[in-house]
């Protein structure tokens, strides 16, 4: 009975200690990621919607979307893209970008090189979004888990 009480006391003390611990703050990483005191930063969140181009020219459409993928890679390589991806087919919302910029003007400039946007197959909708600065580590992690290119 004595051992049980000692063990329970130890576990309670350990639990309280774990709850009281502060997060481990890495000031170098926070600065690298431009994090504020909460570990957050501003991004431009882009929803890509179905555009007005309803052409059935498969060759033109394939070329436009090849350019779209090339622009995604360029934005990632330039450190301007945190996250990108498509939505399931069937709706008006086609995909998202979370861009590592703080103004709509910067976001629009990045999408000038996107041929699917330029050719109106996709229509971007821009919103400012406050999220974790850690998202900027996603592209490097992705490189380590990506087996094939699109």
N, C-alpha and C. Protein backbone atom coordinates (compact mmCIF):
# COMPACT_ATOMS: atom_id res chain seq x y z
N UNK A 1 0.83 -1.19 0.00
CA UNK A 1 0.00 0.00 0.00
C UNK A 1 0.87 1.25 0.00
N UNK A 2 1.96 1.20 0.75
CA UNK A 2 2.89 2.32 0.82
C UNK A 2 3.52 2.60 -0.54
N UNK A 3 3.90 1.52 -1.26
CA UNK A 3 4.50 1.67 -2.58
C UNK A 3 3.51 2.30 -3.56
N UNK A 4 2.24 1.90 -3.44
CA UNK A 4 1.20 2.44 -4.31
C UNK A 4 1.05 3.94 -4.09
N UNK A 5 1.02 4.38 -2.85
CA UNK A 5 0.89 5.80 -2.54
C UNK A 5 2.10 6.59 -3.04
N UNK A 6 3.28 6.04 -2.89
CA UNK A 6 4.50 6.70 -3.36
C UNK A 6 4.47 6.80 -4.88
N UNK A 7 4.07 5.73 -5.55
CA UNK A 7 4.00 5.72 -7.01
C UNK A 7 2.97 6.74 -7.50
N UNK A 8 1.78 6.76 -6.90
CA UNK A 8 0.75 7.72 -7.28
C UNK A 8 1.20 9.15 -7.05
N UNK A 9 1.87 9.40 -5.94
CA UNK A 9 2.38 10.74 -5.64
C UNK A 9 3.41 11.16 -6.69
N UNK A 10 4.29 10.23 -7.05
CA UNK A 10 5.31 10.52 -8.06
C UNK A 10 4.66 10.83 -9.41
N UNK A 11 3.65 10.04 -9.80
CA UNK A 11 2.98 10.27 -11.08
C UNK A 11 2.24 11.60 -11.09
N UNK A 12 1.61 11.97 -9.99
CA UNK A 12 0.93 13.27 -9.91
C UNK A 12 1.93 14.40 -10.02
N UNK A 13 3.06 14.30 -9.34
CA UNK A 13 4.09 15.33 -9.40
C UNK A 13 4.66 15.45 -10.81
N UNK A 14 4.87 14.32 -11.45
CA UNK A 14 5.39 14.30 -12.82
C UNK A 14 4.39 14.96 -13.77
N UNK A 15 3.11 14.64 -13.63
CA UNK A 15 2.07 15.23 -14.47
C UNK A 15 2.01 16.73 -14.28
N UNK A 16 2.05 17.21 -13.06
CA UNK A 16 2.01 18.64 -12.80
C UNK A 16 3.24 19.32 -13.37
N UNK A 17 4.39 18.68 -13.28
CA UNK A 17 5.62 19.26 -13.81
C UNK A 17 5.57 19.36 -15.33
N UNK A 18 5.05 18.35 -16.01
CA UNK A 18 4.94 18.37 -17.46
C UNK A 18 4.01 19.49 -17.90
N UNK A 19 2.89 19.66 -17.23
CA UNK A 19 1.93 20.70 -17.58
C UNK A 19 2.53 22.09 -17.35
N UNK A 20 3.41 22.24 -16.37
CA UNK A 20 3.97 23.54 -16.03
C UNK A 20 5.13 23.94 -16.94
N UNK A 21 5.69 23.01 -17.69
CA UNK A 21 6.83 23.32 -18.54
C UNK A 21 6.43 24.24 -19.68
N UNK A 22 7.32 25.19 -19.98
CA UNK A 22 7.10 26.09 -21.10
C UNK A 22 7.60 25.42 -22.38
N UNK A 23 7.08 25.84 -23.52
CA UNK A 23 7.60 25.31 -24.77
C UNK A 23 9.09 25.66 -24.92
N UNK A 24 9.81 24.84 -25.65
CA UNK A 24 11.21 25.09 -25.91
C UNK A 24 11.29 26.12 -27.03
N UNK A 25 11.78 27.29 -26.73
CA UNK A 25 11.83 28.38 -27.70
C UNK A 25 13.17 28.39 -28.40
N UNK A 26 13.15 28.40 -29.72
CA UNK A 26 14.35 28.45 -30.55
C UNK A 26 14.36 29.79 -31.25
N UNK A 27 15.07 30.77 -30.69
CA UNK A 27 15.06 32.12 -31.23
C UNK A 27 15.65 32.20 -32.64
N UNK A 28 16.62 31.35 -32.93
CA UNK A 28 17.25 31.36 -34.26
C UNK A 28 16.24 30.90 -35.32
N UNK A 29 15.54 29.80 -35.02
CA UNK A 29 14.52 29.30 -35.94
C UNK A 29 13.38 30.31 -36.08
N UNK A 30 12.95 30.89 -34.98
CA UNK A 30 11.87 31.87 -35.02
C UNK A 30 12.25 33.05 -35.92
N UNK A 31 13.48 33.51 -35.80
CA UNK A 31 13.94 34.63 -36.64
C UNK A 31 14.00 34.21 -38.10
N UNK A 32 14.54 33.02 -38.37
CA UNK A 32 14.64 32.51 -39.74
C UNK A 32 13.27 32.46 -40.41
N UNK A 33 12.25 32.07 -39.65
CA UNK A 33 10.90 31.91 -40.18
C UNK A 33 10.06 33.19 -40.08
N UNK A 34 10.66 34.27 -39.57
CA UNK A 34 9.96 35.55 -39.38
C UNK A 34 8.74 35.41 -38.47
N UNK A 35 8.88 34.58 -37.45
CA UNK A 35 7.78 34.36 -36.51
C UNK A 35 7.65 35.51 -35.54
N UNK A 36 6.43 35.81 -35.16
CA UNK A 36 6.22 36.79 -34.10
C UNK A 36 6.34 36.08 -32.75
N UNK A 37 6.01 36.76 -31.67
CA UNK A 37 6.19 36.17 -30.33
C UNK A 37 5.31 34.94 -30.09
N UNK A 38 4.30 34.75 -30.91
CA UNK A 38 3.41 33.59 -30.78
C UNK A 38 3.80 32.45 -31.73
N UNK A 39 4.87 32.66 -32.50
CA UNK A 39 5.29 31.67 -33.48
C UNK A 39 4.46 31.72 -34.75
N UNK A 40 3.80 32.84 -34.97
CA UNK A 40 2.88 33.00 -36.09
C UNK A 40 3.40 34.07 -37.06
N UNK A 41 2.79 34.14 -38.22
CA UNK A 41 3.09 35.18 -39.20
C UNK A 41 1.93 35.31 -40.16
N UNK A 42 1.96 36.38 -40.95
CA UNK A 42 0.92 36.63 -41.94
C UNK A 42 1.32 35.98 -43.27
N UNK A 43 0.34 35.39 -43.93
CA UNK A 43 0.48 34.80 -45.26
C UNK A 43 -0.65 35.33 -46.14
N UNK A 44 -0.57 35.05 -47.43
CA UNK A 44 -1.72 35.23 -48.31
C UNK A 44 -2.21 33.84 -48.66
N UNK A 45 -3.46 33.57 -48.29
CA UNK A 45 -4.13 32.30 -48.55
C UNK A 45 -4.89 32.47 -49.87
N UNK A 46 -4.66 31.58 -50.81
CA UNK A 46 -5.28 31.67 -52.12
C UNK A 46 -6.15 30.44 -52.36
N UNK A 47 -7.41 30.69 -52.65
CA UNK A 47 -8.28 29.61 -53.11
C UNK A 47 -8.34 29.73 -54.63
N UNK A 48 -8.00 28.65 -55.31
CA UNK A 48 -8.09 28.61 -56.77
C UNK A 48 -9.45 28.04 -57.14
N UNK A 49 -10.23 28.83 -57.83
CA UNK A 49 -11.57 28.43 -58.25
C UNK A 49 -11.57 28.12 -59.74
N UNK A 50 -12.58 27.41 -60.18
CA UNK A 50 -12.74 27.14 -61.60
C UNK A 50 -12.84 28.47 -62.34
N UNK A 51 -12.02 28.64 -63.38
CA UNK A 51 -12.01 29.88 -64.14
C UNK A 51 -13.07 29.92 -65.22
N UNK A 52 -13.04 31.01 -65.97
CA UNK A 52 -14.04 31.23 -67.01
C UNK A 52 -13.70 30.55 -68.33
N UNK A 53 -12.48 30.05 -68.50
CA UNK A 53 -12.09 29.39 -69.74
C UNK A 53 -12.68 27.98 -69.76
N UNK A 54 -13.61 27.76 -70.66
CA UNK A 54 -14.26 26.45 -70.78
C UNK A 54 -13.84 25.72 -72.05
N UNK A 55 -12.70 26.10 -72.59
CA UNK A 55 -12.20 25.48 -73.82
C UNK A 55 -12.07 23.97 -73.64
N UNK A 56 -12.35 23.26 -74.71
CA UNK A 56 -12.19 21.80 -74.70
C UNK A 56 -10.92 21.37 -75.41
N UNK A 57 -10.04 22.33 -75.73
CA UNK A 57 -8.77 22.05 -76.39
C UNK A 57 -7.83 21.41 -75.36
N UNK A 58 -7.74 20.08 -75.42
CA UNK A 58 -6.95 19.33 -74.44
C UNK A 58 -5.47 19.73 -74.46
N UNK A 59 -4.92 19.95 -75.64
CA UNK A 59 -3.50 20.31 -75.75
C UNK A 59 -3.23 21.64 -75.06
N UNK A 60 -4.08 22.63 -75.31
CA UNK A 60 -3.91 23.95 -74.68
C UNK A 60 -4.06 23.87 -73.17
N UNK A 61 -5.04 23.09 -72.74
CA UNK A 61 -5.29 22.94 -71.30
C UNK A 61 -4.12 22.22 -70.63
N UNK A 62 -3.63 21.16 -71.23
CA UNK A 62 -2.48 20.43 -70.68
C UNK A 62 -1.26 21.33 -70.58
N UNK A 63 -1.04 22.14 -71.61
CA UNK A 63 0.10 23.08 -71.62
C UNK A 63 -0.04 24.11 -70.48
N UNK A 64 -1.25 24.62 -70.31
CA UNK A 64 -1.50 25.61 -69.25
C UNK A 64 -1.25 25.01 -67.87
N UNK A 65 -1.70 23.78 -67.67
CA UNK A 65 -1.52 23.16 -66.35
C UNK A 65 -0.08 22.68 -66.13
N UNK A 66 0.65 22.38 -67.21
CA UNK A 66 2.08 22.09 -67.07
C UNK A 66 2.80 23.35 -66.58
N UNK A 67 2.41 24.50 -67.12
CA UNK A 67 2.97 25.78 -66.66
C UNK A 67 2.57 26.09 -65.23
N UNK A 68 1.38 25.70 -64.85
CA UNK A 68 0.89 25.86 -63.47
C UNK A 68 1.80 25.09 -62.51
N UNK A 69 2.10 23.85 -62.85
CA UNK A 69 2.97 23.02 -62.00
C UNK A 69 4.39 23.60 -61.95
N UNK A 70 4.85 24.11 -63.08
CA UNK A 70 6.19 24.72 -63.13
C UNK A 70 6.24 25.95 -62.23
N UNK A 71 5.18 26.75 -62.23
CA UNK A 71 5.14 27.94 -61.38
C UNK A 71 5.08 27.55 -59.90
N UNK A 72 4.35 26.49 -59.59
CA UNK A 72 4.31 26.00 -58.20
C UNK A 72 5.72 25.64 -57.75
N UNK A 73 6.46 24.93 -58.58
CA UNK A 73 7.83 24.55 -58.23
C UNK A 73 8.72 25.77 -58.06
N UNK A 74 8.55 26.77 -58.94
CA UNK A 74 9.36 27.99 -58.85
C UNK A 74 9.06 28.72 -57.54
N UNK A 75 7.78 28.85 -57.20
CA UNK A 75 7.43 29.54 -55.95
C UNK A 75 8.02 28.80 -54.75
N UNK A 76 7.97 27.48 -54.78
CA UNK A 76 8.54 26.68 -53.68
C UNK A 76 10.06 26.88 -53.62
N UNK A 77 10.72 26.82 -54.78
CA UNK A 77 12.18 26.98 -54.82
C UNK A 77 12.61 28.37 -54.34
N UNK A 78 11.76 29.37 -54.59
CA UNK A 78 12.06 30.75 -54.19
C UNK A 78 11.66 31.06 -52.75
N UNK A 79 11.12 30.06 -52.03
CA UNK A 79 10.71 30.29 -50.64
C UNK A 79 9.42 31.08 -50.50
N UNK A 80 8.62 31.13 -51.54
CA UNK A 80 7.38 31.91 -51.52
C UNK A 80 6.13 31.05 -51.34
N UNK A 81 6.30 29.73 -51.34
CA UNK A 81 5.15 28.84 -51.22
C UNK A 81 5.31 27.97 -49.98
N UNK A 82 4.34 28.06 -49.08
CA UNK A 82 4.36 27.22 -47.88
C UNK A 82 3.65 25.90 -48.16
N UNK A 83 2.47 25.98 -48.76
CA UNK A 83 1.63 24.80 -48.98
C UNK A 83 0.84 25.00 -50.27
N UNK A 84 0.65 23.90 -51.00
CA UNK A 84 -0.21 23.92 -52.19
C UNK A 84 -0.86 22.56 -52.33
N UNK A 85 -2.02 22.54 -52.94
CA UNK A 85 -2.65 21.26 -53.21
C UNK A 85 -4.04 21.40 -53.76
N UNK A 86 -4.49 20.39 -54.48
CA UNK A 86 -5.83 20.42 -55.08
C UNK A 86 -6.89 19.93 -54.11
N UNK A 87 -8.11 20.34 -54.39
CA UNK A 87 -9.27 19.78 -53.70
C UNK A 87 -9.80 18.61 -54.51
N UNK A 88 -10.63 17.80 -53.90
CA UNK A 88 -11.28 16.72 -54.64
C UNK A 88 -12.06 17.32 -55.80
N UNK A 89 -12.14 16.58 -56.88
CA UNK A 89 -12.85 17.07 -58.07
C UNK A 89 -14.34 17.15 -57.82
N UNK A 90 -14.97 18.01 -58.59
CA UNK A 90 -16.43 18.08 -58.54
C UNK A 90 -16.98 19.41 -58.07
N UNK A 91 -16.17 20.23 -57.41
CA UNK A 91 -16.67 21.50 -56.93
C UNK A 91 -16.04 22.66 -57.66
N UNK A 92 -16.45 23.85 -57.31
CA UNK A 92 -15.91 25.07 -57.91
C UNK A 92 -14.52 25.40 -57.34
N UNK A 93 -14.25 24.98 -56.11
CA UNK A 93 -12.94 25.20 -55.50
C UNK A 93 -11.99 24.11 -55.99
N UNK A 94 -10.89 24.53 -56.63
CA UNK A 94 -9.99 23.58 -57.27
C UNK A 94 -8.75 23.27 -56.45
N UNK A 95 -8.26 24.29 -55.68
CA UNK A 95 -7.05 24.06 -54.90
C UNK A 95 -6.70 25.27 -54.07
N UNK A 96 -5.57 25.14 -53.34
CA UNK A 96 -5.12 26.25 -52.50
C UNK A 96 -3.62 26.46 -52.64
N UNK A 97 -3.23 27.69 -52.34
CA UNK A 97 -1.84 28.06 -52.09
C UNK A 97 -1.83 28.79 -50.76
N UNK A 98 -0.81 28.57 -49.97
CA UNK A 98 -0.52 29.46 -48.85
C UNK A 98 0.83 30.07 -49.21
N UNK A 99 0.79 31.37 -49.53
CA UNK A 99 1.96 32.06 -50.04
C UNK A 99 2.69 32.82 -48.94
N UNK A 100 3.99 32.76 -48.97
CA UNK A 100 4.85 33.41 -47.99
C UNK A 100 5.08 34.87 -48.39
N UNK A 101 3.99 35.61 -48.47
CA UNK A 101 3.99 37.03 -48.74
C UNK A 101 2.92 37.67 -47.87
N UNK A 102 2.96 38.99 -47.75
CA UNK A 102 2.01 39.64 -46.84
C UNK A 102 1.04 40.59 -47.54
N UNK A 103 1.15 40.73 -48.87
CA UNK A 103 0.23 41.61 -49.58
C UNK A 103 -0.36 40.90 -50.79
N UNK A 104 -1.54 41.37 -51.19
CA UNK A 104 -2.18 40.82 -52.37
C UNK A 104 -1.36 41.14 -53.63
N UNK A 105 -0.71 42.31 -53.64
CA UNK A 105 0.10 42.68 -54.80
C UNK A 105 1.24 41.68 -55.00
N UNK A 106 1.92 41.30 -53.91
CA UNK A 106 2.99 40.30 -54.01
C UNK A 106 2.44 38.96 -54.48
N UNK A 107 1.28 38.58 -53.97
CA UNK A 107 0.67 37.31 -54.36
C UNK A 107 0.30 37.32 -55.83
N UNK A 108 -0.30 38.41 -56.30
CA UNK A 108 -0.68 38.52 -57.71
C UNK A 108 0.55 38.45 -58.60
N UNK A 109 1.65 39.08 -58.19
CA UNK A 109 2.89 39.04 -58.97
C UNK A 109 3.41 37.61 -59.08
N UNK A 110 3.30 36.83 -58.01
CA UNK A 110 3.74 35.43 -58.07
C UNK A 110 2.90 34.60 -59.04
N UNK A 111 1.63 34.94 -59.15
CA UNK A 111 0.74 34.17 -60.02
C UNK A 111 0.76 34.64 -61.47
N UNK A 112 1.51 35.72 -61.76
CA UNK A 112 1.64 36.16 -63.15
C UNK A 112 2.33 35.09 -63.99
N UNK A 113 3.15 34.25 -63.37
CA UNK A 113 3.83 33.18 -64.09
C UNK A 113 3.04 31.88 -64.17
N UNK A 114 1.82 31.89 -63.65
CA UNK A 114 0.99 30.68 -63.64
C UNK A 114 0.09 30.68 -64.87
N UNK A 115 0.41 29.83 -65.83
CA UNK A 115 -0.33 29.84 -67.10
C UNK A 115 -1.79 29.39 -66.95
N UNK A 116 -2.09 28.55 -65.98
CA UNK A 116 -3.49 28.15 -65.78
C UNK A 116 -4.32 29.32 -65.28
N UNK A 117 -3.70 30.19 -64.50
CA UNK A 117 -4.38 31.41 -64.05
C UNK A 117 -4.44 32.41 -65.20
N UNK A 118 -3.31 32.60 -65.89
CA UNK A 118 -3.23 33.55 -67.00
C UNK A 118 -4.23 33.21 -68.10
N UNK A 119 -4.40 31.91 -68.36
CA UNK A 119 -5.32 31.46 -69.41
C UNK A 119 -6.76 31.29 -68.91
N UNK A 120 -6.99 31.67 -67.66
CA UNK A 120 -8.33 31.68 -67.05
C UNK A 120 -8.94 30.30 -66.81
N UNK A 121 -8.11 29.26 -66.73
CA UNK A 121 -8.61 27.95 -66.32
C UNK A 121 -8.85 27.95 -64.81
N UNK A 122 -8.07 28.77 -64.11
CA UNK A 122 -8.21 28.93 -62.66
C UNK A 122 -8.35 30.41 -62.34
N UNK A 123 -9.14 30.70 -61.33
CA UNK A 123 -9.34 32.07 -60.87
C UNK A 123 -8.95 32.15 -59.39
N UNK A 124 -7.93 32.97 -59.06
CA UNK A 124 -7.50 33.05 -57.66
C UNK A 124 -8.38 34.00 -56.83
N UNK A 125 -8.59 33.61 -55.59
CA UNK A 125 -9.28 34.45 -54.60
C UNK A 125 -8.33 34.60 -53.42
N UNK A 126 -7.98 35.84 -53.06
CA UNK A 126 -6.94 36.12 -52.07
C UNK A 126 -7.53 36.52 -50.73
N UNK A 127 -6.93 36.00 -49.65
CA UNK A 127 -7.31 36.35 -48.28
C UNK A 127 -6.05 36.40 -47.43
N UNK A 128 -5.95 37.41 -46.57
CA UNK A 128 -4.84 37.42 -45.62
C UNK A 128 -5.11 36.38 -44.55
N UNK A 129 -4.08 35.65 -44.17
CA UNK A 129 -4.24 34.58 -43.18
C UNK A 129 -3.08 34.60 -42.20
N UNK A 130 -3.40 34.51 -40.93
CA UNK A 130 -2.42 34.50 -39.85
C UNK A 130 -2.27 33.07 -39.37
N UNK A 131 -1.10 32.47 -39.63
CA UNK A 131 -0.90 31.07 -39.28
C UNK A 131 0.50 30.82 -38.75
N UNK A 132 0.76 29.60 -38.40
CA UNK A 132 2.04 29.22 -37.83
C UNK A 132 3.18 29.46 -38.81
N UNK A 133 4.23 30.12 -38.34
CA UNK A 133 5.41 30.35 -39.17
C UNK A 133 6.10 29.03 -39.52
N UNK A 134 5.80 27.97 -38.78
CA UNK A 134 6.41 26.67 -39.03
C UNK A 134 6.03 26.10 -40.40
N UNK A 135 4.97 26.62 -41.01
CA UNK A 135 4.58 26.13 -42.34
C UNK A 135 5.71 26.28 -43.35
N UNK A 136 6.60 27.23 -43.12
CA UNK A 136 7.69 27.45 -44.07
C UNK A 136 8.72 26.33 -44.03
N UNK A 137 8.61 25.42 -43.08
CA UNK A 137 9.47 24.24 -43.06
C UNK A 137 8.89 23.12 -43.92
N UNK A 138 7.62 23.23 -44.29
CA UNK A 138 6.94 22.19 -45.05
C UNK A 138 7.61 21.86 -46.38
N UNK A 139 8.00 22.86 -47.20
CA UNK A 139 8.63 22.50 -48.49
C UNK A 139 9.89 21.64 -48.34
N UNK A 140 10.72 21.91 -47.35
CA UNK A 140 11.93 21.11 -47.15
C UNK A 140 11.59 19.69 -46.69
N UNK A 141 10.62 19.58 -45.82
CA UNK A 141 10.18 18.26 -45.36
C UNK A 141 9.58 17.49 -46.53
N UNK A 142 8.81 18.19 -47.37
CA UNK A 142 8.17 17.54 -48.51
C UNK A 142 9.20 16.92 -49.45
N UNK A 143 10.30 17.62 -49.66
CA UNK A 143 11.36 17.08 -50.53
C UNK A 143 11.86 15.73 -50.04
N UNK A 144 11.83 15.52 -48.73
CA UNK A 144 12.33 14.28 -48.14
C UNK A 144 11.35 13.12 -48.24
N UNK A 145 10.08 13.44 -48.50
CA UNK A 145 9.07 12.38 -48.56
C UNK A 145 8.47 12.20 -49.95
N UNK A 146 8.82 13.09 -50.89
CA UNK A 146 8.29 13.00 -52.25
C UNK A 146 9.11 12.00 -53.05
N UNK A 147 8.47 10.95 -53.50
CA UNK A 147 9.16 9.92 -54.26
C UNK A 147 9.14 10.21 -55.76
N UNK A 148 8.05 10.83 -56.26
CA UNK A 148 7.91 11.12 -57.69
C UNK A 148 7.45 12.55 -57.89
N UNK A 149 7.77 13.11 -59.05
CA UNK A 149 7.28 14.44 -59.42
C UNK A 149 5.97 14.31 -60.16
N UNK A 150 5.22 15.39 -60.17
CA UNK A 150 3.96 15.43 -60.94
C UNK A 150 4.28 15.54 -62.39
